[in-house]
Protein backbone atom coordinates (compact mmCIF):
# COMPACT_ATOMS: atom_id res chain seq x y z
CA MET A 1 84.95 105.61 84.90
CA ALA A 2 82.25 105.84 87.53
CA ASN A 3 81.80 103.46 90.41
CA SER A 4 78.60 101.44 90.25
CA ASN A 5 78.16 102.19 93.94
CA PRO A 6 79.31 105.71 94.86
CA ASN A 7 79.44 104.71 98.54
CA ASP A 8 81.93 101.91 97.85
CA THR A 9 85.35 103.51 98.10
CA LYS A 10 87.18 100.22 98.64
CA ILE A 11 87.85 99.77 94.90
CA GLU A 12 89.10 103.32 94.56
CA GLN A 13 91.32 102.89 97.61
CA GLN A 14 92.79 99.69 96.16
CA ARG A 15 93.48 101.48 92.88
CA SER A 16 95.13 104.31 94.75
CA GLU A 17 97.30 101.95 96.80
CA SER A 18 98.27 100.02 93.67
CA ALA A 19 99.20 103.21 91.84
CA LYS A 20 101.23 104.41 94.84
CA ALA A 21 103.08 101.09 95.05
CA ALA A 22 103.85 101.22 91.32
CA LEU A 23 105.21 104.74 91.60
CA GLU A 24 107.34 103.85 94.63
CA SER A 25 108.75 100.84 92.81
CA GLN A 26 109.51 102.91 89.73
CA THR A 27 111.18 105.60 91.82
CA GLU A 28 113.31 103.06 93.69
CA ASN A 29 114.33 101.37 90.45
CA ASN A 30 115.24 104.69 88.87
CA HIS A 31 117.26 105.65 91.93
CA THR A 32 119.15 102.35 91.84
CA GLU A 33 119.84 102.65 88.12
CA ASN A 34 120.99 106.25 88.49
CA SER A 35 123.23 105.34 91.42
CA GLU A 36 124.76 102.44 89.52
CA ALA A 37 125.31 104.62 86.46
CA ALA A 38 126.98 107.28 88.62
CA ALA A 39 129.22 104.66 90.22
CA ASP A 40 130.18 103.36 86.77
CA ARG A 41 131.09 106.88 85.65
CA LEU A 42 133.24 107.37 88.74
CA VAL A 43 135.11 104.15 88.06
CA ASP A 44 135.59 105.14 84.42
CA ASN A 45 136.88 108.57 85.46
CA LEU A 46 139.35 107.04 87.92
CA GLU A 47 140.58 104.56 85.33
CA ASN A 48 141.02 107.33 82.76
CA GLU A 49 142.88 109.45 85.31
CA LYS A 50 145.29 106.57 86.02
CA LYS A 51 145.93 106.12 82.28
CA ASP A 52 146.71 109.83 81.90
CA LYS A 53 149.42 109.75 84.58
């Protein structure tokens, strides 16, 4: 999609900033979910180890 005014980069910059913010948010959310899932697995492993003893 072409800009109606090729000298107007403000719209493109806003799109770029919006895309960057979306990616950062997605990355942070994925990191949090992965960290929580890892913590849950650790707890499960510890509980299973206690049951085995």
